[in-house]
Amino acid sequence: MYEDRQIASHKVFTDRIHRAEAKVVCQLYHAGRRISRAVTGQEPVGPSAMKFAGRPWEVSREGGSALVNAFLEYLL
C-alpha cells in the first residue's frame, strides 16, 4: 500500500480473512530501483549506480539515512 485511498479495499479483504479466524499482515517493502516514478512521483534511487531498466542514480549516504529515517517514522 502506498496511498491512503487503498485502505478501504484492503479492509474488505482483511475483514473476510478475519471472519475465517485467520490473521493477515502488511509487509513493508522498499522497491528501490525497481519502482516507477508513476507510483511515487519521485525518481527511484538504489544502493548503487547499477542500472535496472535504465534507472536509478546512486543514493548518497545522507540520502540513504533519510530513507531509513522515513521508514522508521512511518512505523512509529
N, C-alpha and C. Protein backbone atom coordinates (compact mmCIF):
# COMPACT_ATOMS: atom_id res chain seq x y z
N MET A 1 0.85 -1.17 0.00
CA MET A 1 0.00 0.00 0.00
C MET A 1 0.89 1.23 0.00
N TYR A 2 0.54 2.16 -0.86
CA TYR A 2 1.35 3.37 -0.91
C TYR A 2 0.50 4.63 -0.88
N GLU A 3 -0.82 4.47 -0.77
CA GLU A 3 -1.70 5.63 -0.64
C GLU A 3 -2.85 5.29 0.30
N ASP A 4 -3.29 6.27 1.06
CA ASP A 4 -4.39 6.05 2.00
C ASP A 4 -5.66 5.58 1.30
N ARG A 5 -5.84 5.95 0.04
CA ARG A 5 -7.07 5.55 -0.65
C ARG A 5 -7.15 4.03 -0.85
N GLN A 6 -6.08 3.32 -0.64
CA GLN A 6 -6.07 1.87 -0.78
C GLN A 6 -6.59 1.16 0.48
N ILE A 7 -6.71 1.87 1.57
CA ILE A 7 -7.09 1.26 2.84
C ILE A 7 -8.46 0.60 2.77
N ALA A 8 -9.44 1.26 2.20
CA ALA A 8 -10.81 0.73 2.18
C ALA A 8 -10.89 -0.64 1.50
N SER A 9 -10.27 -0.77 0.34
CA SER A 9 -10.34 -2.06 -0.36
C SER A 9 -9.58 -3.15 0.40
N HIS A 10 -8.50 -2.78 1.06
CA HIS A 10 -7.76 -3.76 1.85
C HIS A 10 -8.52 -4.15 3.10
N LYS A 11 -9.32 -3.23 3.64
CA LYS A 11 -10.13 -3.55 4.82
C LYS A 11 -11.17 -4.61 4.48
N VAL A 12 -11.79 -4.51 3.33
CA VAL A 12 -12.76 -5.54 2.89
C VAL A 12 -12.06 -6.91 2.87
N PHE A 13 -10.89 -6.95 2.29
CA PHE A 13 -10.11 -8.18 2.19
C PHE A 13 -9.76 -8.73 3.57
N THR A 14 -9.22 -7.86 4.45
CA THR A 14 -8.81 -8.33 5.78
C THR A 14 -10.02 -8.73 6.63
N ASP A 15 -11.14 -8.03 6.48
CA ASP A 15 -12.35 -8.42 7.22
C ASP A 15 -12.77 -9.85 6.85
N ARG A 16 -12.70 -10.19 5.59
CA ARG A 16 -13.04 -11.55 5.15
C ARG A 16 -12.09 -12.58 5.74
N ILE A 17 -10.82 -12.23 5.78
CA ILE A 17 -9.84 -13.14 6.36
C ILE A 17 -10.11 -13.33 7.85
N HIS A 18 -10.41 -12.24 8.54
CA HIS A 18 -10.68 -12.31 9.99
C HIS A 18 -11.96 -13.10 10.28
N ARG A 19 -12.96 -13.00 9.42
CA ARG A 19 -14.17 -13.80 9.61
C ARG A 19 -13.87 -15.29 9.56
N ALA A 20 -12.83 -15.67 8.84
CA ALA A 20 -12.40 -17.06 8.76
C ALA A 20 -11.43 -17.40 9.90
N GLU A 21 -11.32 -16.48 10.87
CA GLU A 21 -10.46 -16.64 12.04
C GLU A 21 -8.99 -16.82 11.67
N ALA A 22 -8.58 -16.14 10.61
CA ALA A 22 -7.18 -16.17 10.18
C ALA A 22 -6.55 -14.81 10.43
N LYS A 23 -5.26 -14.73 10.31
CA LYS A 23 -4.52 -13.49 10.50
C LYS A 23 -3.92 -13.05 9.17
N VAL A 24 -3.68 -11.75 9.05
CA VAL A 24 -3.05 -11.20 7.86
C VAL A 24 -2.16 -10.04 8.29
N VAL A 25 -1.08 -9.83 7.56
CA VAL A 25 -0.18 -8.71 7.83
C VAL A 25 0.11 -7.97 6.54
N CYS A 26 0.57 -6.75 6.69
CA CYS A 26 1.01 -5.96 5.55
C CYS A 26 2.53 -5.84 5.68
N GLN A 27 3.25 -6.37 4.72
CA GLN A 27 4.70 -6.34 4.77
C GLN A 27 5.22 -5.05 4.15
N LEU A 28 6.07 -4.34 4.90
CA LEU A 28 6.71 -3.15 4.36
C LEU A 28 7.82 -3.58 3.40
N TYR A 29 7.88 -2.90 2.29
CA TYR A 29 8.84 -3.28 1.26
C TYR A 29 9.29 -2.03 0.53
N HIS A 30 10.56 -1.91 0.34
CA HIS A 30 11.10 -0.79 -0.44
C HIS A 30 11.54 -1.35 -1.78
N ALA A 31 10.90 -0.94 -2.86
CA ALA A 31 11.20 -1.48 -4.17
C ALA A 31 12.48 -0.94 -4.77
N GLY A 32 13.05 0.08 -4.15
CA GLY A 32 14.33 0.62 -4.62
C GLY A 32 14.29 1.01 -6.08
N ARG A 33 15.29 0.58 -6.81
CA ARG A 33 15.41 0.98 -8.21
C ARG A 33 14.36 0.34 -9.11
N ARG A 34 13.60 -0.62 -8.62
CA ARG A 34 12.59 -1.28 -9.46
C ARG A 34 11.27 -0.51 -9.50
N ILE A 35 11.10 0.48 -8.65
CA ILE A 35 9.84 1.22 -8.58
C ILE A 35 9.73 2.19 -9.75
N SER A 36 8.53 2.59 -10.05
CA SER A 36 8.28 3.53 -11.13
C SER A 36 7.98 4.91 -10.57
N ARG A 37 8.43 5.93 -11.26
CA ARG A 37 8.11 7.31 -10.87
C ARG A 37 6.61 7.52 -10.87
N ALA A 38 5.88 6.78 -11.70
CA ALA A 38 4.42 6.89 -11.76
C ALA A 38 3.79 6.52 -10.42
N VAL A 39 4.43 5.67 -9.66
CA VAL A 39 3.91 5.24 -8.35
C VAL A 39 4.26 6.24 -7.27
N THR A 40 5.51 6.69 -7.24
CA THR A 40 5.99 7.52 -6.13
C THR A 40 5.98 9.01 -6.41
N GLY A 41 5.99 9.39 -7.68
CA GLY A 41 6.10 10.80 -8.02
C GLY A 41 7.52 11.32 -7.89
N GLN A 42 8.47 10.43 -7.60
CA GLN A 42 9.87 10.81 -7.44
C GLN A 42 10.74 9.85 -8.25
N GLU A 43 11.94 10.32 -8.58
CA GLU A 43 12.88 9.44 -9.27
C GLU A 43 13.31 8.32 -8.33
N PRO A 44 13.36 7.07 -8.82
CA PRO A 44 13.80 5.97 -7.96
C PRO A 44 15.29 6.07 -7.65
N VAL A 45 15.67 5.58 -6.49
CA VAL A 45 17.08 5.51 -6.09
C VAL A 45 17.38 4.09 -5.67
N GLY A 46 18.65 3.74 -5.67
CA GLY A 46 19.09 2.43 -5.25
C GLY A 46 20.37 2.54 -4.45
N PRO A 47 20.83 1.42 -3.90
CA PRO A 47 22.03 1.45 -3.07
C PRO A 47 23.31 1.61 -3.88
N SER A 48 23.22 1.45 -5.20
CA SER A 48 24.40 1.60 -6.05
C SER A 48 23.95 2.18 -7.39
N ALA A 49 24.91 2.47 -8.22
CA ALA A 49 24.59 3.02 -9.54
C ALA A 49 24.24 1.93 -10.55
N MET A 50 24.17 0.65 -10.13
CA MET A 50 23.82 -0.43 -11.02
C MET A 50 22.43 -0.17 -11.61
N LYS A 51 22.31 -0.29 -12.91
CA LYS A 51 21.06 0.06 -13.59
C LYS A 51 20.04 -1.08 -13.54
N PHE A 52 18.79 -0.71 -13.49
CA PHE A 52 17.66 -1.61 -13.65
C PHE A 52 16.70 -0.87 -14.57
N ALA A 53 16.53 -1.35 -15.76
CA ALA A 53 15.65 -0.70 -16.74
C ALA A 53 16.00 0.78 -16.93
N GLY A 54 17.30 1.10 -16.95
CA GLY A 54 17.72 2.46 -17.23
C GLY A 54 17.71 3.40 -16.05
N ARG A 55 17.46 2.91 -14.86
CA ARG A 55 17.47 3.78 -13.70
C ARG A 55 18.15 3.05 -12.57
N PRO A 56 18.51 3.59 -11.49
CA PRO A 56 18.33 4.91 -10.95
C PRO A 56 19.67 5.61 -10.88
N TRP A 57 19.72 6.68 -10.11
CA TRP A 57 21.01 7.20 -9.73
C TRP A 57 21.33 6.62 -8.36
N GLU A 58 22.59 6.62 -8.00
CA GLU A 58 23.02 6.06 -6.72
C GLU A 58 22.62 7.00 -5.59
N VAL A 59 22.05 6.44 -4.54
CA VAL A 59 21.67 7.24 -3.39
C VAL A 59 22.92 7.54 -2.56
N SER A 60 23.00 8.75 -2.05
CA SER A 60 24.14 9.14 -1.22
C SER A 60 23.98 8.56 0.19
N ARG A 61 25.04 8.62 0.97
CA ARG A 61 24.97 8.15 2.36
C ARG A 61 23.89 8.93 3.12
N GLU A 62 23.85 10.25 2.90
CA GLU A 62 22.85 11.08 3.58
C GLU A 62 21.44 10.73 3.09
N GLY A 63 21.32 10.51 1.80
CA GLY A 63 20.01 10.13 1.25
C GLY A 63 19.54 8.79 1.78
N GLY A 64 20.48 7.84 1.93
CA GLY A 64 20.13 6.54 2.50
C GLY A 64 19.66 6.67 3.93
N SER A 65 20.34 7.51 4.69
CA SER A 65 19.92 7.75 6.08
C SER A 65 18.52 8.36 6.12
N ALA A 66 18.25 9.27 5.20
CA ALA A 66 16.92 9.89 5.15
C ALA A 66 15.84 8.85 4.82
N LEU A 67 16.15 7.91 3.92
CA LEU A 67 15.18 6.84 3.60
C LEU A 67 14.90 5.96 4.81
N VAL A 68 15.96 5.58 5.51
CA VAL A 68 15.80 4.75 6.71
C VAL A 68 14.96 5.50 7.75
N ASN A 69 15.26 6.76 7.96
CA ASN A 69 14.50 7.55 8.94
C ASN A 69 13.04 7.69 8.53
N ALA A 70 12.77 7.82 7.24
CA ALA A 70 11.39 7.92 6.77
C ALA A 70 10.63 6.62 7.07
N PHE A 71 11.26 5.47 6.85
CA PHE A 71 10.64 4.19 7.19
C PHE A 71 10.35 4.10 8.68
N LEU A 72 11.34 4.48 9.50
CA LEU A 72 11.15 4.42 10.95
C LEU A 72 10.04 5.35 11.42
N GLU A 73 9.99 6.54 10.86
CA GLU A 73 8.94 7.49 11.23
C GLU A 73 7.56 6.92 10.87
N TYR A 74 7.46 6.28 9.74
CA TYR A 74 6.18 5.68 9.32
C TYR A 74 5.76 4.58 10.29
N LEU A 75 6.73 3.77 10.73
CA LEU A 75 6.42 2.66 11.64
C LEU A 75 6.00 3.13 13.01
N LEU A 76 6.58 4.24 13.45
CA LEU A 76 6.30 4.72 14.80
C LEU A 76 5.12 5.65 14.77
